[in-house]
């Protein structure tokens, strides 16, 4: 029994195997570089081989986490002063 596989299935399998996985540390580093604004987000993503569609959700998540931490951590910092 020979199984016929479409070319689309083969391409999807190859992309899945070569897809780069970024750790949270790498994502944070890239987002911080983007926030610095020394170069465009498109250039940054191109250099890091990160799709723009991955950068923006990471950026949003990171900024929300920082905002939450700063708003909750403010009381903690003033108590230790």
N, C-alpha and C. Protein backbone atom coordinates (compact mmCIF):
# COMPACT_ATOMS: atom_id res chain seq x y z
N UNK A 1 0.83 -1.18 0.00
CA UNK A 1 0.00 0.00 0.00
C UNK A 1 0.88 1.24 0.00
N UNK A 2 0.97 1.87 -1.13
CA UNK A 2 1.70 3.13 -1.22
C UNK A 2 0.77 4.28 -0.87
N UNK A 3 1.22 5.09 0.02
CA UNK A 3 0.42 6.23 0.44
C UNK A 3 0.86 7.45 -0.38
N UNK A 4 -0.09 8.07 -1.07
CA UNK A 4 0.21 9.24 -1.87
C UNK A 4 0.04 10.47 -0.98
N UNK A 5 1.10 11.29 -0.92
CA UNK A 5 1.09 12.47 -0.07
C UNK A 5 1.13 13.70 -0.98
N UNK A 6 0.27 14.66 -0.70
CA UNK A 6 0.25 15.86 -1.52
C UNK A 6 1.49 16.70 -1.25
N UNK A 7 1.85 17.51 -2.22
CA UNK A 7 3.02 18.37 -2.07
C UNK A 7 2.81 19.38 -0.95
N UNK A 8 1.56 19.81 -0.76
CA UNK A 8 1.26 20.76 0.31
C UNK A 8 1.56 20.15 1.68
N UNK A 9 1.23 18.89 1.87
CA UNK A 9 1.49 18.20 3.12
C UNK A 9 2.99 18.08 3.35
N UNK A 10 3.74 17.79 2.31
CA UNK A 10 5.20 17.68 2.42
C UNK A 10 5.80 19.02 2.84
N UNK A 11 5.37 20.10 2.19
CA UNK A 11 5.89 21.43 2.51
C UNK A 11 5.55 21.81 3.94
N UNK A 12 4.33 21.55 4.39
CA UNK A 12 3.94 21.85 5.77
C UNK A 12 4.81 21.08 6.76
N UNK A 13 5.11 19.82 6.44
CA UNK A 13 5.96 19.01 7.31
C UNK A 13 7.38 19.56 7.40
N UNK A 14 7.91 20.01 6.27
CA UNK A 14 9.25 20.59 6.27
C UNK A 14 9.27 21.88 7.08
N UNK A 15 8.29 22.74 6.87
CA UNK A 15 8.23 24.00 7.62
C UNK A 15 8.11 23.75 9.11
N UNK A 16 7.34 22.76 9.48
CA UNK A 16 7.15 22.44 10.89
C UNK A 16 8.48 22.01 11.52
N UNK A 17 9.27 21.24 10.78
CA UNK A 17 10.54 20.75 11.31
C UNK A 17 11.60 21.82 11.40
N UNK A 18 11.59 22.80 10.48
CA UNK A 18 12.63 23.82 10.48
C UNK A 18 12.20 25.11 11.18
N UNK A 19 10.98 25.15 11.69
CA UNK A 19 10.48 26.34 12.38
C UNK A 19 11.35 26.63 13.60
N UNK A 20 11.76 27.87 13.73
CA UNK A 20 12.60 28.29 14.85
C UNK A 20 11.72 28.49 16.07
N UNK A 21 12.18 27.96 17.18
CA UNK A 21 11.47 28.16 18.43
C UNK A 21 12.30 29.13 19.27
N UNK A 22 11.65 30.15 19.77
CA UNK A 22 12.33 31.17 20.55
C UNK A 22 11.99 31.00 22.03
N UNK A 23 13.02 31.06 22.87
CA UNK A 23 12.78 31.01 24.31
C UNK A 23 12.23 32.37 24.74
N UNK A 24 11.65 32.43 25.95
CA UNK A 24 11.12 33.71 26.43
C UNK A 24 12.24 34.72 26.61
N UNK A 25 13.43 34.26 26.96
CA UNK A 25 14.56 35.19 27.11
C UNK A 25 14.90 35.84 25.78
N UNK A 26 14.89 35.03 24.70
CA UNK A 26 15.17 35.58 23.37
C UNK A 26 14.07 36.55 22.94
N UNK A 27 12.82 36.18 23.21
CA UNK A 27 11.71 37.06 22.85
C UNK A 27 11.80 38.39 23.58
N UNK A 28 12.11 38.34 24.86
CA UNK A 28 12.23 39.57 25.65
C UNK A 28 13.37 40.43 25.11
N UNK A 29 14.50 39.81 24.80
CA UNK A 29 15.64 40.55 24.25
C UNK A 29 15.27 41.25 22.95
N UNK A 30 14.57 40.54 22.08
CA UNK A 30 14.17 41.11 20.79
C UNK A 30 13.16 42.24 21.00
N UNK A 31 12.20 42.05 21.90
CA UNK A 31 11.21 43.10 22.19
C UNK A 31 11.90 44.33 22.75
N UNK A 32 12.85 44.14 23.67
CA UNK A 32 13.57 45.29 24.23
C UNK A 32 14.36 46.04 23.15
N UNK A 33 14.95 45.31 22.23
CA UNK A 33 15.65 45.96 21.12
C UNK A 33 14.66 46.76 20.27
N UNK A 34 13.47 46.22 20.08
CA UNK A 34 12.45 46.94 19.32
C UNK A 34 11.98 48.18 20.04
N UNK A 35 11.87 48.11 21.37
CA UNK A 35 11.45 49.27 22.15
C UNK A 35 12.49 50.38 22.09
N UNK A 36 13.77 50.00 22.06
CA UNK A 36 14.84 51.00 21.97
C UNK A 36 14.68 51.87 20.72
N UNK A 37 14.17 51.27 19.66
CA UNK A 37 13.89 52.03 18.44
C UNK A 37 15.10 52.40 17.62
N UNK A 38 16.21 51.72 17.83
CA UNK A 38 17.41 52.02 17.05
C UNK A 38 17.25 51.63 15.58
N UNK A 39 16.40 50.66 15.32
CA UNK A 39 16.09 50.28 13.95
C UNK A 39 14.63 49.85 13.86
N UNK A 40 14.14 49.75 12.66
CA UNK A 40 12.72 49.43 12.49
C UNK A 40 12.43 48.00 12.94
N UNK A 41 11.19 47.77 13.30
CA UNK A 41 10.75 46.44 13.73
C UNK A 41 10.94 45.44 12.58
N UNK A 42 10.64 45.88 11.37
CA UNK A 42 10.80 45.00 10.21
C UNK A 42 12.25 44.55 10.05
N UNK A 43 13.20 45.49 10.19
CA UNK A 43 14.62 45.13 10.10
C UNK A 43 15.03 44.20 11.23
N UNK A 44 14.59 44.52 12.42
CA UNK A 44 14.92 43.71 13.59
C UNK A 44 14.41 42.28 13.42
N UNK A 45 13.16 42.16 13.01
CA UNK A 45 12.57 40.83 12.81
C UNK A 45 13.30 40.08 11.69
N UNK A 46 13.68 40.80 10.67
CA UNK A 46 14.40 40.17 9.56
C UNK A 46 15.76 39.65 10.03
N UNK A 47 16.48 40.45 10.80
CA UNK A 47 17.79 40.04 11.31
C UNK A 47 17.68 38.84 12.24
N UNK A 48 16.65 38.81 13.05
CA UNK A 48 16.47 37.73 14.02
C UNK A 48 15.73 36.53 13.43
N UNK A 49 15.30 36.66 12.17
CA UNK A 49 14.53 35.62 11.49
C UNK A 49 13.25 35.29 12.27
N UNK A 50 12.62 36.36 12.78
CA UNK A 50 11.39 36.22 13.53
C UNK A 50 10.27 36.87 12.73
N UNK A 51 9.18 36.17 12.49
CA UNK A 51 8.08 36.79 11.76
C UNK A 51 7.44 37.93 12.55
N UNK A 52 7.04 38.98 11.84
CA UNK A 52 6.38 40.11 12.50
C UNK A 52 5.16 39.66 13.28
N UNK A 53 4.46 38.66 12.76
CA UNK A 53 3.25 38.19 13.43
C UNK A 53 3.57 37.53 14.77
N UNK A 54 4.82 37.20 15.05
CA UNK A 54 5.22 36.69 16.36
C UNK A 54 5.72 37.82 17.25
N UNK A 55 6.36 38.82 16.66
CA UNK A 55 6.92 39.92 17.44
C UNK A 55 5.83 40.70 18.18
N UNK A 56 4.79 41.08 17.46
CA UNK A 56 3.79 41.97 18.05
C UNK A 56 3.03 41.35 19.23
N UNK A 57 2.60 40.09 19.17
CA UNK A 57 1.97 39.50 20.37
C UNK A 57 2.94 39.39 21.55
N UNK A 58 4.21 39.08 21.26
CA UNK A 58 5.21 39.02 22.33
C UNK A 58 5.40 40.38 22.96
N UNK A 59 5.44 41.41 22.12
CA UNK A 59 5.61 42.77 22.60
C UNK A 59 4.43 43.17 23.49
N UNK A 60 3.24 42.88 23.04
CA UNK A 60 2.04 43.22 23.81
C UNK A 60 2.04 42.49 25.15
N UNK A 61 2.34 41.21 25.13
CA UNK A 61 2.36 40.40 26.35
C UNK A 61 3.41 40.95 27.33
N UNK A 62 4.60 41.25 26.81
CA UNK A 62 5.68 41.76 27.64
C UNK A 62 5.31 43.09 28.28
N UNK A 63 4.77 44.01 27.49
CA UNK A 63 4.41 45.33 28.01
C UNK A 63 3.28 45.24 29.03
N UNK A 64 2.31 44.35 28.81
CA UNK A 64 1.24 44.16 29.79
C UNK A 64 1.80 43.59 31.09
N UNK A 65 2.76 42.65 31.00
CA UNK A 65 3.36 42.06 32.19
C UNK A 65 4.15 43.11 32.97
N UNK A 66 4.87 43.96 32.26
CA UNK A 66 5.63 45.02 32.92
C UNK A 66 4.67 46.00 33.60
N UNK A 67 3.62 46.38 32.91
CA UNK A 67 2.63 47.31 33.47
C UNK A 67 2.01 46.72 34.74
N UNK A 68 1.65 45.44 34.68
CA UNK A 68 1.04 44.78 35.83
C UNK A 68 2.02 44.71 36.99
N UNK A 69 3.26 44.38 36.69
CA UNK A 69 4.29 44.26 37.72
C UNK A 69 4.56 45.61 38.37
N UNK A 70 4.64 46.65 37.56
CA UNK A 70 4.92 47.97 38.11
C UNK A 70 3.75 48.50 38.94
N UNK A 71 2.54 48.25 38.52
CA UNK A 71 1.40 48.75 39.28
C UNK A 71 1.24 47.98 40.59
N UNK A 72 1.52 46.70 40.60
CA UNK A 72 1.43 45.90 41.81
C UNK A 72 2.66 46.00 42.67
N UNK A 73 3.81 46.19 42.06
CA UNK A 73 5.07 46.23 42.79
C UNK A 73 5.37 47.58 43.39
N UNK A 74 4.64 48.62 43.00
CA UNK A 74 4.91 49.97 43.50
C UNK A 74 4.76 50.03 45.02
N UNK A 75 3.72 49.43 45.57
CA UNK A 75 3.48 49.42 47.01
C UNK A 75 4.61 48.68 47.73
N UNK A 76 5.04 47.60 47.14
CA UNK A 76 6.10 46.80 47.74
C UNK A 76 7.39 47.60 47.81
N UNK A 77 7.72 48.35 46.76
CA UNK A 77 8.95 49.13 46.75
C UNK A 77 8.90 50.26 47.77
N UNK A 78 7.76 50.90 47.93
CA UNK A 78 7.66 52.03 48.87
C UNK A 78 7.69 51.54 50.31
N UNK A 79 7.25 50.33 50.59
CA UNK A 79 7.26 49.81 51.95
C UNK A 79 8.68 49.55 52.44
N UNK A 80 9.58 49.20 51.53
CA UNK A 80 10.95 48.89 51.90
C UNK A 80 11.81 50.13 52.00
N UNK A 81 11.32 51.27 51.59
CA UNK A 81 12.13 52.50 51.61
C UNK A 81 12.21 53.10 52.98
